[in-house]
Amino acid sequence: MNSRFHRAALAVAAAAVLPFALVGCSSDDNSSDSASEASSSAPAGGGGDEMASPSDDMSGMDQPFGPACSSVPKSGSGSFDGMAQDPVATAASNNPALSTLVTAVKKAGLVDTLNNAQNITVFAPTNDAFAKIPKADLDKVLNDKAMLTKVLTYHVVGQKLTPSDLENGSFDTLEKSKLTTSGSDESYTVNDSAKVVCGNVKTANANVYIIDSVLMPKS
């Protein structure tokens, strides 16, 4: 009797517990399904967009800007990607619009100086910028190494300048005197005269701002 009663009691207890166990399992399954659905839907929903937008924003930042940038080759050593691989004097030599500057740099013996410098900014006059100077005056400068060196080193700042640095700046040049910059929103001038026509061009050792006039030191 005792054993029969004991088995009956166990059966009743099991019958009472089983529905609660099934409800618990069912609840766990539903919650885990909900969690898995939420986790699987999150990347495709707002979370995925939030992750994508910063990279999208970054892709448009820190890029070359200005009207003359459109004339830069799309590929090869003279392209933006190509110039980024070379030191600044070598990179400039691959840009046809800077051929007069490159000739001047070679005449002054500054190729190695510029290529070996670290973290500099070069304000690079275009061929058209040099063409604004009367030929007799330009020839005089090109044939006077000391004067040419003075003019060219005045175009070089001993630090890398970002566009935001140019908004209201005054910087020491390698020539030992200062130049000033001003502007905003991708429209900048140097010494209130030379306009940046293609800015924020990267080379292996320098940031380059291509300008439409030659800068002259005051003394």
N, C-alpha and C. Protein backbone atom coordinates (compact mmCIF):
# COMPACT_ATOMS: atom_id res chain seq x y z
N MET A 1 0.84 -1.20 0.00
CA MET A 1 0.00 0.00 0.00
C MET A 1 0.87 1.25 0.00
N ASN A 2 1.87 1.19 0.86
CA ASN A 2 2.73 2.38 0.94
C ASN A 2 3.41 2.67 -0.39
N SER A 3 3.95 1.64 -1.02
CA SER A 3 4.65 1.86 -2.29
C SER A 3 3.68 2.29 -3.38
N ARG A 4 2.46 1.68 -3.37
CA ARG A 4 1.48 2.07 -4.38
C ARG A 4 1.06 3.52 -4.17
N PHE A 5 0.89 3.91 -2.92
CA PHE A 5 0.53 5.29 -2.62
C PHE A 5 1.65 6.26 -3.02
N HIS A 6 2.87 5.82 -2.79
CA HIS A 6 4.02 6.66 -3.12
C HIS A 6 4.10 6.90 -4.63
N ARG A 7 3.88 5.82 -5.43
CA ARG A 7 3.92 5.99 -6.89
C ARG A 7 2.80 6.90 -7.36
N ALA A 8 1.64 6.79 -6.77
CA ALA A 8 0.51 7.63 -7.16
C ALA A 8 0.80 9.09 -6.85
N ALA A 9 1.41 9.30 -5.69
CA ALA A 9 1.75 10.68 -5.31
C ALA A 9 2.75 11.28 -6.27
N LEU A 10 3.73 10.48 -6.70
CA LEU A 10 4.74 10.96 -7.65
C LEU A 10 4.09 11.30 -8.98
N ALA A 11 3.14 10.48 -9.43
CA ALA A 11 2.45 10.72 -10.70
C ALA A 11 1.68 12.02 -10.65
N VAL A 12 0.98 12.27 -9.53
CA VAL A 12 0.22 13.51 -9.38
C VAL A 12 1.16 14.71 -9.41
N ALA A 13 2.27 14.56 -8.67
CA ALA A 13 3.24 15.68 -8.63
C ALA A 13 3.80 15.96 -10.01
N ALA A 14 4.12 14.91 -10.75
CA ALA A 14 4.68 15.09 -12.10
C ALA A 14 3.66 15.76 -13.01
N ALA A 15 2.41 15.34 -12.90
CA ALA A 15 1.36 15.91 -13.72
C ALA A 15 1.18 17.39 -13.41
N ALA A 16 1.36 17.75 -12.12
CA ALA A 16 1.20 19.15 -11.73
C ALA A 16 2.36 20.00 -12.23
N VAL A 17 3.57 19.45 -12.21
CA VAL A 17 4.77 20.21 -12.57
C VAL A 17 4.91 20.36 -14.08
N LEU A 18 4.54 19.35 -14.85
CA LEU A 18 4.78 19.31 -16.28
C LEU A 18 4.21 20.51 -17.02
N PRO A 19 2.96 20.96 -16.78
CA PRO A 19 2.45 22.13 -17.52
C PRO A 19 3.30 23.38 -17.31
N PHE A 20 3.77 23.54 -16.03
CA PHE A 20 4.61 24.71 -15.75
C PHE A 20 5.93 24.64 -16.51
N ALA A 21 6.47 23.45 -16.61
CA ALA A 21 7.73 23.26 -17.33
C ALA A 21 7.54 23.56 -18.81
N LEU A 22 6.41 23.09 -19.37
CA LEU A 22 6.14 23.33 -20.78
C LEU A 22 5.93 24.81 -21.05
N VAL A 23 5.21 25.50 -20.13
CA VAL A 23 4.99 26.93 -20.29
C VAL A 23 6.32 27.66 -20.24
N GLY A 24 7.19 27.24 -19.31
CA GLY A 24 8.50 27.86 -19.20
C GLY A 24 9.30 27.67 -20.46
N CYS A 25 9.31 26.45 -21.00
CA CYS A 25 10.06 26.19 -22.22
C CYS A 25 9.51 27.02 -23.38
N SER A 26 8.16 27.07 -23.45
CA SER A 26 7.53 27.80 -24.53
C SER A 26 7.89 29.28 -24.46
N SER A 27 7.88 29.82 -23.23
CA SER A 27 8.21 31.23 -23.04
C SER A 27 9.66 31.49 -23.44
N ASP A 28 10.57 30.59 -23.03
CA ASP A 28 11.99 30.76 -23.38
C ASP A 28 12.19 30.73 -24.88
N ASP A 29 11.48 29.79 -25.53
CA ASP A 29 11.63 29.66 -26.98
C ASP A 29 11.17 30.92 -27.68
N ASN A 30 10.02 31.46 -27.21
CA ASN A 30 9.50 32.66 -27.85
C ASN A 30 10.44 33.83 -27.66
N SER A 31 10.98 33.95 -26.43
CA SER A 31 11.86 35.08 -26.18
C SER A 31 13.15 34.95 -26.96
N SER A 32 13.65 33.72 -27.07
CA SER A 32 14.89 33.55 -27.83
C SER A 32 14.64 33.79 -29.31
N ASP A 33 13.43 33.37 -29.78
CA ASP A 33 13.09 33.64 -31.17
C ASP A 33 13.01 35.15 -31.39
N SER A 34 12.39 35.87 -30.44
CA SER A 34 12.26 37.31 -30.58
C SER A 34 13.63 37.96 -30.59
N ALA A 35 14.52 37.48 -29.70
CA ALA A 35 15.85 38.06 -29.63
C ALA A 35 16.61 37.82 -30.91
N SER A 36 16.47 36.56 -31.43
CA SER A 36 17.21 36.26 -32.67
C SER A 36 16.65 37.07 -33.83
N GLU A 37 15.29 37.26 -33.82
CA GLU A 37 14.71 38.07 -34.88
C GLU A 37 15.20 39.51 -34.78
N ALA A 38 15.28 40.01 -33.52
CA ALA A 38 15.73 41.39 -33.34
C ALA A 38 17.18 41.54 -33.76
N SER A 39 18.01 40.55 -33.36
CA SER A 39 19.42 40.66 -33.70
C SER A 39 19.65 40.51 -35.19
N SER A 40 18.84 39.65 -35.83
CA SER A 40 19.04 39.46 -37.27
C SER A 40 18.52 40.65 -38.05
N SER A 41 17.49 41.35 -37.50
CA SER A 41 16.94 42.49 -38.23
C SER A 41 17.73 43.76 -37.97
N ALA A 42 18.48 43.84 -36.85
CA ALA A 42 19.18 45.08 -36.49
C ALA A 42 20.18 45.52 -37.54
N PRO A 43 21.05 44.64 -38.04
CA PRO A 43 22.02 45.11 -39.02
C PRO A 43 21.37 45.67 -40.28
N ALA A 44 20.19 45.12 -40.65
CA ALA A 44 19.54 45.59 -41.86
C ALA A 44 18.73 46.85 -41.61
N GLY A 45 18.50 47.17 -40.31
CA GLY A 45 17.69 48.32 -39.98
C GLY A 45 18.54 49.53 -39.70
N GLY A 46 18.11 50.32 -38.66
CA GLY A 46 18.78 51.56 -38.33
C GLY A 46 20.23 51.37 -37.98
N GLY A 47 20.57 50.26 -37.27
CA GLY A 47 21.94 50.06 -36.86
C GLY A 47 22.88 50.01 -38.03
N GLY A 48 22.45 49.34 -39.11
CA GLY A 48 23.31 49.24 -40.29
C GLY A 48 23.53 50.59 -40.92
N ASP A 49 22.46 51.42 -40.96
CA ASP A 49 22.59 52.74 -41.56
C ASP A 49 23.51 53.61 -40.73
N GLU A 50 23.39 53.50 -39.40
CA GLU A 50 24.23 54.32 -38.53
C GLU A 50 25.71 53.95 -38.71
N MET A 51 25.99 52.70 -38.95
CA MET A 51 27.36 52.28 -39.16
C MET A 51 27.87 52.75 -40.51
N ALA A 52 27.01 52.82 -41.49
CA ALA A 52 27.44 53.17 -42.84
C ALA A 52 27.66 54.66 -43.00
N SER A 53 26.84 55.49 -42.32
CA SER A 53 26.90 56.91 -42.57
C SER A 53 28.22 57.56 -42.19
N PRO A 54 28.89 57.18 -41.05
CA PRO A 54 30.17 57.81 -40.78
C PRO A 54 31.20 57.56 -41.87
N SER A 55 31.23 56.33 -42.39
CA SER A 55 32.21 56.04 -43.43
C SER A 55 31.87 56.81 -44.70
N ASP A 56 30.57 56.98 -44.95
CA ASP A 56 30.17 57.77 -46.11
C ASP A 56 30.62 59.21 -45.95
N ASP A 57 30.44 59.73 -44.71
CA ASP A 57 30.86 61.10 -44.45
C ASP A 57 32.36 61.23 -44.59
N MET A 58 33.10 60.24 -44.08
CA MET A 58 34.56 60.31 -44.12
C MET A 58 35.07 60.25 -45.54
N SER A 59 34.36 59.55 -46.41
CA SER A 59 34.83 59.40 -47.78
C SER A 59 34.85 60.73 -48.51
N GLY A 60 34.03 61.68 -48.07
CA GLY A 60 34.00 62.98 -48.72
C GLY A 60 34.92 64.00 -48.07
N MET A 61 35.54 63.61 -46.96
CA MET A 61 36.39 64.53 -46.25
C MET A 61 37.84 64.36 -46.66
N ASP A 62 38.61 65.44 -46.41
CA ASP A 62 40.06 65.39 -46.60
C ASP A 62 40.45 65.05 -48.03
N GLN A 63 39.67 65.53 -48.98
CA GLN A 63 39.94 65.28 -50.39
C GLN A 63 40.43 66.57 -51.06
N PRO A 64 41.15 66.44 -52.17
CA PRO A 64 41.53 67.64 -52.92
C PRO A 64 40.29 68.42 -53.37
N PHE A 65 40.43 69.74 -53.45
CA PHE A 65 39.29 70.58 -53.83
C PHE A 65 39.79 71.75 -54.68
N GLY A 66 38.89 72.32 -55.45
CA GLY A 66 39.20 73.50 -56.24
C GLY A 66 39.01 73.27 -57.72
N PRO A 67 38.79 74.34 -58.49
CA PRO A 67 38.46 74.21 -59.91
C PRO A 67 39.56 73.55 -60.74
N ALA A 68 40.81 73.77 -60.39
CA ALA A 68 41.90 73.21 -61.19
C ALA A 68 42.12 71.71 -60.95
N CYS A 69 41.48 71.17 -59.92
CA CYS A 69 41.65 69.74 -59.63
C CYS A 69 41.10 68.87 -60.77
N SER A 70 40.15 69.41 -61.52
CA SER A 70 39.54 68.62 -62.58
C SER A 70 40.53 68.32 -63.71
N SER A 71 41.59 69.11 -63.82
CA SER A 71 42.58 68.89 -64.88
C SER A 71 43.65 67.88 -64.50
N VAL A 72 43.64 67.44 -63.24
CA VAL A 72 44.62 66.45 -62.79
C VAL A 72 44.26 65.10 -63.40
N PRO A 73 45.25 64.37 -63.93
CA PRO A 73 44.96 63.06 -64.53
C PRO A 73 44.24 62.13 -63.55
N LYS A 74 43.36 61.29 -64.09
CA LYS A 74 42.58 60.39 -63.25
C LYS A 74 43.39 59.17 -62.80
N SER A 75 44.45 58.86 -63.51
CA SER A 75 45.25 57.70 -63.16
C SER A 75 46.71 57.96 -63.51
N GLY A 76 47.58 57.08 -63.04
CA GLY A 76 49.00 57.23 -63.34
C GLY A 76 49.73 58.04 -62.29
N SER A 77 51.00 58.27 -62.53
CA SER A 77 51.85 58.93 -61.53
C SER A 77 51.46 60.38 -61.28
N GLY A 78 50.78 61.00 -62.26
CA GLY A 78 50.35 62.39 -62.09
C GLY A 78 48.99 62.54 -61.47
N SER A 79 48.31 61.44 -61.17
CA SER A 79 47.00 61.49 -60.53
C SER A 79 47.16 61.77 -59.04
N PHE A 80 46.06 62.04 -58.36
CA PHE A 80 46.13 62.27 -56.92
C PHE A 80 46.69 61.04 -56.19
N ASP A 81 46.24 59.86 -56.59
CA ASP A 81 46.76 58.64 -55.96
C ASP A 81 48.23 58.45 -56.28
N GLY A 82 48.62 58.76 -57.51
CA GLY A 82 50.02 58.61 -57.89
C GLY A 82 50.91 59.58 -57.15
N MET A 83 50.50 60.85 -57.05
CA MET A 83 51.30 61.84 -56.34
C MET A 83 51.44 61.52 -54.86
N ALA A 84 50.45 60.88 -54.31
CA ALA A 84 50.50 60.53 -52.89
C ALA A 84 51.60 59.53 -52.58
N GLN A 85 52.09 58.83 -53.59
CA GLN A 85 53.12 57.82 -53.40
C GLN A 85 54.53 58.40 -53.47
N ASP A 86 54.68 59.62 -54.01
CA ASP A 86 56.00 60.20 -54.26
C ASP A 86 56.26 61.40 -53.37
N PRO A 87 57.54 61.68 -53.05
CA PRO A 87 57.85 62.92 -52.35
C PRO A 87 57.53 64.12 -53.24
N VAL A 88 57.44 65.29 -52.64
CA VAL A 88 56.76 66.42 -53.28
C VAL A 88 57.41 66.88 -54.59
N ALA A 89 58.72 66.97 -54.66
CA ALA A 89 59.34 67.44 -55.90
C ALA A 89 59.12 66.45 -57.04
N THR A 90 59.20 65.18 -56.72
CA THR A 90 58.95 64.14 -57.72
C THR A 90 57.49 64.16 -58.14
N ALA A 91 56.59 64.30 -57.18
CA ALA A 91 55.15 64.35 -57.49
C ALA A 91 54.84 65.54 -58.39
N ALA A 92 55.44 66.69 -58.11
CA ALA A 92 55.20 67.88 -58.92
C ALA A 92 55.68 67.68 -60.35
N SER A 93 56.77 66.95 -60.50
CA SER A 93 57.32 66.72 -61.84
C SER A 93 56.38 65.89 -62.70
N ASN A 94 55.44 65.19 -62.08
CA ASN A 94 54.48 64.37 -62.82
C ASN A 94 53.20 65.13 -63.15
N ASN A 95 53.13 66.40 -62.74
CA ASN A 95 51.96 67.22 -63.01
C ASN A 95 52.33 68.27 -64.07
N PRO A 96 51.82 68.15 -65.29
CA PRO A 96 52.19 69.07 -66.38
C PRO A 96 51.94 70.54 -66.05
N ALA A 97 50.98 70.83 -65.20
CA ALA A 97 50.64 72.22 -64.88
C ALA A 97 51.69 72.88 -63.98
N LEU A 98 52.62 72.06 -63.47
CA LEU A 98 53.64 72.59 -62.56
C LEU A 98 55.04 72.52 -63.16
N SER A 99 55.14 72.41 -64.48
CA SER A 99 56.44 72.19 -65.11
C SER A 99 57.40 73.38 -64.93
N THR A 100 56.88 74.61 -64.93
CA THR A 100 57.76 75.77 -64.72
C THR A 100 58.31 75.76 -63.29
N LEU A 101 57.47 75.43 -62.34
CA LEU A 101 57.92 75.32 -60.94
C LEU A 101 59.00 74.26 -60.82
N VAL A 102 58.78 73.13 -61.45
CA VAL A 102 59.76 72.04 -61.38
C VAL A 102 61.10 72.48 -61.97
N THR A 103 61.05 73.20 -63.10
CA THR A 103 62.28 73.73 -63.71
C THR A 103 62.99 74.66 -62.74
N ALA A 104 62.24 75.52 -62.07
CA ALA A 104 62.83 76.46 -61.11
C ALA A 104 63.45 75.72 -59.92
N VAL A 105 62.76 74.70 -59.43
CA VAL A 105 63.27 73.92 -58.30
C VAL A 105 64.59 73.24 -58.68
N LYS A 106 64.65 72.71 -59.89
CA LYS A 106 65.88 72.07 -60.36
C LYS A 106 67.01 73.09 -60.49
N LYS A 107 66.73 74.28 -61.04
CA LYS A 107 67.74 75.32 -61.20
C LYS A 107 68.30 75.77 -59.84
N ALA A 108 67.43 75.78 -58.82
CA ALA A 108 67.86 76.20 -57.49
C ALA A 108 68.53 75.07 -56.71
N GLY A 109 68.51 73.86 -57.26
CA GLY A 109 69.12 72.73 -56.56
C GLY A 109 68.35 72.30 -55.33
N LEU A 110 67.02 72.44 -55.38
CA LEU A 110 66.19 72.17 -54.20
C LEU A 110 65.43 70.84 -54.27
N VAL A 111 65.67 70.05 -55.32
CA VAL A 111 64.92 68.80 -55.46
C VAL A 111 65.11 67.90 -54.25
N ASP A 112 66.35 67.63 -53.89
CA ASP A 112 66.62 66.74 -52.75
C ASP A 112 66.14 67.36 -51.44
N THR A 113 66.31 68.68 -51.31
CA THR A 113 65.86 69.36 -50.09
C THR A 113 64.36 69.15 -49.87
N LEU A 114 63.59 69.35 -50.94
CA LEU A 114 62.13 69.20 -50.81
C LEU A 114 61.72 67.73 -50.66
N ASN A 115 62.38 66.85 -51.40
CA ASN A 115 62.01 65.44 -51.34
C ASN A 115 62.36 64.81 -49.99
N ASN A 116 63.40 65.31 -49.34
CA ASN A 116 63.84 64.71 -48.08
C ASN A 116 63.22 65.38 -46.85
N ALA A 117 62.57 66.52 -47.05
CA ALA A 117 61.91 67.19 -45.92
C ALA A 117 60.72 66.36 -45.45
N GLN A 118 60.38 66.53 -44.20
CA GLN A 118 59.26 65.78 -43.64
C GLN A 118 58.17 66.74 -43.17
N ASN A 119 56.93 66.37 -43.45
CA ASN A 119 55.76 67.10 -42.93
C ASN A 119 55.82 68.59 -43.27
N ILE A 120 55.79 68.89 -44.55
CA ILE A 120 55.82 70.27 -45.01
C ILE A 120 54.57 70.58 -45.82
N THR A 121 54.36 71.87 -46.05
CA THR A 121 53.30 72.32 -46.95
C THR A 121 53.95 73.14 -48.05
N VAL A 122 53.57 72.88 -49.29
CA VAL A 122 54.10 73.62 -50.43
C VAL A 122 52.95 74.33 -51.14
N PHE A 123 53.10 75.64 -51.30
CA PHE A 123 52.18 76.42 -52.12
C PHE A 123 52.80 76.48 -53.50
N ALA A 124 52.20 75.74 -54.43
CA ALA A 124 52.83 75.48 -55.74
C ALA A 124 52.19 76.33 -56.82
N PRO A 125 52.90 77.33 -57.37
CA PRO A 125 52.35 78.14 -58.45
C PRO A 125 52.25 77.34 -59.76
N THR A 126 51.18 77.55 -60.47
CA THR A 126 50.99 76.89 -61.76
C THR A 126 51.86 77.57 -62.83
N ASN A 127 51.93 76.94 -63.99
CA ASN A 127 52.62 77.57 -65.13
C ASN A 127 52.01 78.93 -65.44
N ASP A 128 50.69 79.04 -65.37
CA ASP A 128 50.01 80.31 -65.64
C ASP A 128 50.41 81.37 -64.62
N ALA A 129 50.65 80.93 -63.38
CA ALA A 129 51.09 81.88 -62.35
C ALA A 129 52.44 82.49 -62.71
N PHE A 130 53.36 81.64 -63.17
CA PHE A 130 54.67 82.16 -63.59
C PHE A 130 54.54 83.03 -64.84
N ALA A 131 53.57 82.72 -65.69
CA ALA A 131 53.38 83.49 -66.93
C ALA A 131 52.90 84.90 -66.66
N LYS A 132 52.37 85.16 -65.46
CA LYS A 132 51.95 86.52 -65.11
C LYS A 132 53.15 87.44 -64.91
N ILE A 133 54.31 86.86 -64.61
CA ILE A 133 55.51 87.66 -64.37
C ILE A 133 56.12 88.04 -65.72
N PRO A 134 56.44 89.30 -65.94
CA PRO A 134 57.09 89.69 -67.21
C PRO A 134 58.30 88.81 -67.47
N LYS A 135 58.46 88.40 -68.72
CA LYS A 135 59.50 87.43 -69.07
C LYS A 135 60.89 87.88 -68.63
N ALA A 136 61.20 89.14 -68.80
CA ALA A 136 62.53 89.63 -68.41
C ALA A 136 62.76 89.46 -66.91
N ASP A 137 61.72 89.75 -66.13
CA ASP A 137 61.84 89.61 -64.67
C ASP A 137 61.96 88.13 -64.28
N LEU A 138 61.16 87.29 -64.93
CA LEU A 138 61.21 85.87 -64.63
C LEU A 138 62.58 85.28 -64.99
N ASP A 139 63.09 85.64 -66.15
CA ASP A 139 64.41 85.14 -66.56
C ASP A 139 65.48 85.58 -65.57
N LYS A 140 65.35 86.80 -65.08
CA LYS A 140 66.32 87.31 -64.10
C LYS A 140 66.32 86.46 -62.83
N VAL A 141 65.12 86.14 -62.36
CA VAL A 141 65.01 85.33 -61.14
C VAL A 141 65.53 83.91 -61.39
N LEU A 142 65.16 83.34 -62.54
CA LEU A 142 65.57 81.97 -62.84
C LEU A 142 67.09 81.84 -62.97
N ASN A 143 67.74 82.91 -63.34
CA ASN A 143 69.19 82.87 -63.54
C ASN A 143 69.99 83.38 -62.34
N ASP A 144 69.30 83.72 -61.29
CA ASP A 144 69.96 84.15 -60.05
C ASP A 144 69.62 83.12 -58.96
N LYS A 145 70.55 82.19 -58.74
CA LYS A 145 70.25 81.06 -57.85
C LYS A 145 69.88 81.51 -56.45
N ALA A 146 70.55 82.49 -55.92
CA ALA A 146 70.25 82.95 -54.56
C ALA A 146 68.85 83.54 -54.49
N MET A 147 68.51 84.38 -55.45
CA MET A 147 67.17 84.98 -55.49
C MET A 147 66.10 83.92 -55.72
N LEU A 148 66.38 82.99 -56.61
CA LEU A 148 65.43 81.92 -56.92
C LEU A 148 65.18 81.06 -55.70
N THR A 149 66.25 80.73 -54.99
CA THR A 149 66.11 79.93 -53.76
C THR A 149 65.25 80.67 -52.74
N LYS A 150 65.46 81.96 -52.63
CA LYS A 150 64.69 82.78 -51.68
C LYS A 150 63.20 82.75 -52.03
N VAL A 151 62.90 82.92 -53.32
CA VAL A 151 61.51 82.93 -53.75
C VAL A 151 60.86 81.56 -53.53
N LEU A 152 61.56 80.50 -53.93
CA LEU A 152 60.97 79.16 -53.83
C LEU A 152 60.78 78.72 -52.38
N THR A 153 61.74 78.98 -51.53
CA THR A 153 61.60 78.56 -50.13
C THR A 153 60.53 79.36 -49.40
N TYR A 154 60.18 80.54 -49.97
CA TYR A 154 59.08 81.31 -49.39
C TYR A 154 57.73 80.62 -49.62
N HIS A 155 57.69 79.68 -50.53
CA HIS A 155 56.46 78.93 -50.82
C HIS A 155 56.32 77.67 -49.96
N VAL A 156 57.25 77.45 -49.03
CA VAL A 156 57.26 76.22 -48.25
C VAL A 156 57.13 76.54 -46.76
N VAL A 157 56.18 75.87 -46.12
CA VAL A 157 55.97 76.00 -44.67
C VAL A 157 56.39 74.69 -44.01
N GLY A 158 57.05 74.79 -42.89
CA GLY A 158 57.63 73.60 -42.25
C GLY A 158 56.66 72.79 -41.41
N GLN A 159 55.43 72.72 -41.80
CA GLN A 159 54.43 71.86 -41.15
C GLN A 159 53.34 71.56 -42.16
N LYS A 160 52.63 70.47 -41.91
CA LYS A 160 51.51 70.13 -42.80
C LYS A 160 50.29 70.92 -42.39
N LEU A 161 49.76 71.69 -43.34
CA LEU A 161 48.60 72.53 -43.07
C LEU A 161 47.36 71.89 -43.67
N THR A 162 46.30 71.83 -42.88
CA THR A 162 45.00 71.35 -43.36
C THR A 162 44.20 72.55 -43.87
N PRO A 163 43.14 72.33 -44.63
CA PRO A 163 42.31 73.46 -45.07
C PRO A 163 41.84 74.34 -43.92
N SER A 164 41.47 73.74 -42.80
CA SER A 164 40.99 74.56 -41.68
C SER A 164 42.10 75.45 -41.12
N ASP A 165 43.35 75.01 -41.25
CA ASP A 165 44.47 75.85 -40.81
C ASP A 165 44.58 77.13 -41.62
N LEU A 166 44.09 77.08 -42.86
CA LEU A 166 44.24 78.22 -43.76
C LEU A 166 43.19 79.31 -43.53
N GLU A 167 42.20 79.06 -42.70
CA GLU A 167 41.08 79.99 -42.56
C GLU A 167 41.53 81.37 -42.09
N ASN A 168 42.48 81.41 -41.21
CA ASN A 168 43.01 82.69 -40.73
C ASN A 168 44.39 82.41 -40.15
N GLY A 169 45.38 82.21 -41.04
CA GLY A 169 46.67 81.71 -40.58
C GLY A 169 47.83 82.64 -40.90
N SER A 170 48.88 82.49 -40.12
CA SER A 170 50.15 83.17 -40.36
C SER A 170 51.24 82.15 -40.06
N PHE A 171 52.09 81.87 -41.04
CA PHE A 171 53.03 80.76 -40.92
C PHE A 171 54.44 81.17 -41.33
N ASP A 172 55.40 80.63 -40.60
CA ASP A 172 56.80 80.83 -40.95
C ASP A 172 57.15 79.96 -42.15
N THR A 173 57.85 80.53 -43.09
CA THR A 173 58.28 79.78 -44.27
C THR A 173 59.74 79.35 -44.12
N LEU A 174 60.18 78.48 -45.00
CA LEU A 174 61.58 78.08 -44.98
C LEU A 174 62.50 79.24 -45.36
N GLU A 175 61.94 80.25 -45.98
CA GLU A 175 62.72 81.45 -46.34
C GLU A 175 62.94 82.35 -45.12
N LYS A 176 62.23 82.01 -44.01
CA LYS A 176 62.37 82.67 -42.70
C LYS A 176 61.43 83.85 -42.49
N SER A 177 60.64 84.21 -43.49
CA SER A 177 59.62 85.23 -43.24
C SER A 177 58.24 84.58 -43.28
N LYS A 178 57.21 85.36 -43.00
CA LYS A 178 55.87 84.79 -42.86
C LYS A 178 55.02 84.98 -44.11
N LEU A 179 54.09 84.07 -44.29
CA LEU A 179 53.01 84.26 -45.25
C LEU A 179 51.70 84.12 -44.49
N THR A 180 50.65 84.69 -45.05
CA THR A 180 49.34 84.64 -44.39
C THR A 180 48.33 83.96 -45.30
N THR A 181 47.35 83.36 -44.70
CA THR A 181 46.28 82.69 -45.45
C THR A 181 44.94 83.10 -44.86
N SER A 182 43.91 83.05 -45.70
CA SER A 182 42.56 83.35 -45.23
C SER A 182 41.55 82.67 -46.14
N GLY A 183 40.31 82.57 -45.65
CA GLY A 183 39.24 81.98 -46.45
C GLY A 183 38.46 80.94 -45.69
N SER A 184 37.57 80.26 -46.39
CA SER A 184 36.76 79.20 -45.81
C SER A 184 36.04 78.47 -46.94
N ASP A 185 35.43 77.34 -46.58
CA ASP A 185 34.58 76.60 -47.52
C ASP A 185 35.27 76.34 -48.86
N GLU A 186 36.50 75.89 -48.81
CA GLU A 186 37.26 75.52 -50.00
C GLU A 186 37.59 76.73 -50.89
N SER A 187 37.55 77.93 -50.34
CA SER A 187 37.94 79.13 -51.07
C SER A 187 38.97 79.87 -50.21
N TYR A 188 40.24 79.79 -50.61
CA TYR A 188 41.31 80.33 -49.79
C TYR A 188 42.26 81.18 -50.62
N THR A 189 42.86 82.18 -49.98
CA THR A 189 43.88 83.00 -50.62
C THR A 189 45.12 83.02 -49.74
N VAL A 190 46.26 83.26 -50.38
CA VAL A 190 47.54 83.37 -49.69
C VAL A 190 48.05 84.78 -49.91
N ASN A 191 48.45 85.42 -48.80
CA ASN A 191 48.91 86.82 -48.85
C ASN A 191 47.90 87.74 -49.53
N ASP A 192 46.62 87.42 -49.39
CA ASP A 192 45.52 88.23 -49.95
C ASP A 192 45.63 88.43 -51.46
N SER A 193 46.36 87.56 -52.12
CA SER A 193 46.52 87.74 -53.57
C SER A 193 46.43 86.44 -54.35
N ALA A 194 47.16 85.45 -53.96
CA ALA A 194 47.17 84.18 -54.69
C ALA A 194 46.01 83.30 -54.24
N LYS A 195 45.23 82.83 -55.20
CA LYS A 195 44.10 81.96 -54.88
C LYS A 195 44.50 80.49 -54.97
N VAL A 196 43.99 79.71 -54.04
CA VAL A 196 44.18 78.26 -54.10
C VAL A 196 43.24 77.71 -55.16
N VAL A 197 43.80 77.11 -56.22
CA VAL A 197 42.96 76.59 -57.30
C VAL A 197 42.81 75.07 -57.25
N CYS A 198 43.67 74.42 -56.50
CA CYS A 198 43.52 72.99 -56.22
C CYS A 198 44.24 72.71 -54.91
N GLY A 199 43.47 72.50 -53.87
CA GLY A 199 44.05 72.40 -52.54
C GLY A 199 43.97 71.02 -51.92
N ASN A 200 44.77 70.85 -50.87
CA ASN A 200 44.77 69.61 -50.08
C ASN A 200 45.21 68.41 -50.91
N VAL A 201 46.20 68.63 -51.77
CA VAL A 201 46.78 67.54 -52.57
C VAL A 201 47.87 66.88 -51.72
N LYS A 202 47.80 65.58 -51.57
CA LYS A 202 48.73 64.86 -50.71
C LYS A 202 49.88 64.27 -51.53
N THR A 203 51.09 64.44 -50.99
CA THR A 203 52.24 63.70 -51.50
C THR A 203 52.80 62.90 -50.33
N ALA A 204 53.85 62.14 -50.58
CA ALA A 204 54.37 61.27 -49.53
C ALA A 204 54.88 62.05 -48.32
N ASN A 205 55.34 63.28 -48.54
CA ASN A 205 55.91 64.03 -47.42
C ASN A 205 55.34 65.44 -47.26
N ALA A 206 54.33 65.78 -48.04
CA ALA A 206 53.83 67.16 -48.00
C ALA A 206 52.36 67.26 -48.35
N ASN A 207 51.74 68.34 -47.86
CA ASN A 207 50.44 68.77 -48.37
C ASN A 207 50.70 69.90 -49.36
N VAL A 208 50.04 69.86 -50.50
CA VAL A 208 50.28 70.83 -51.56
C VAL A 208 49.00 71.61 -51.83
N TYR A 209 49.17 72.94 -51.94
CA TYR A 209 48.08 73.82 -52.36
C TYR A 209 48.55 74.52 -53.63
N ILE A 210 47.93 74.19 -54.75
CA ILE A 210 48.31 74.78 -56.03
C ILE A 210 47.66 76.16 -56.13
N ILE A 211 48.47 77.18 -56.45
CA ILE A 211 47.99 78.56 -56.43
C ILE A 211 48.17 79.22 -57.79
N ASP A 212 47.43 80.33 -57.99
CA ASP A 212 47.40 80.95 -59.32
C ASP A 212 48.34 82.15 -59.46
N SER A 213 49.15 82.42 -58.43
CA SER A 213 50.13 83.52 -58.50
C SER A 213 51.38 83.12 -57.75
N VAL A 214 52.51 83.68 -58.18
CA VAL A 214 53.78 83.42 -57.50
C VAL A 214 53.87 84.35 -56.28
N LEU A 215 54.26 83.78 -55.16
CA LEU A 215 54.41 84.56 -53.93
C LEU A 215 55.80 85.20 -53.89
N MET A 216 55.86 86.44 -53.49
CA MET A 216 57.16 87.13 -53.40
C MET A 216 57.43 87.54 -51.95
N PRO A 217 58.58 87.13 -51.40
CA PRO A 217 58.93 87.61 -50.05
C PRO A 217 59.10 89.11 -50.05
N LYS A 218 58.86 89.75 -48.92
CA LYS A 218 58.88 91.20 -48.86
C LYS A 218 60.29 91.78 -48.99
N SER A 219 61.29 90.99 -48.61
CA SER A 219 62.63 91.54 -48.68
C SER A 219 63.56 90.57 -49.40
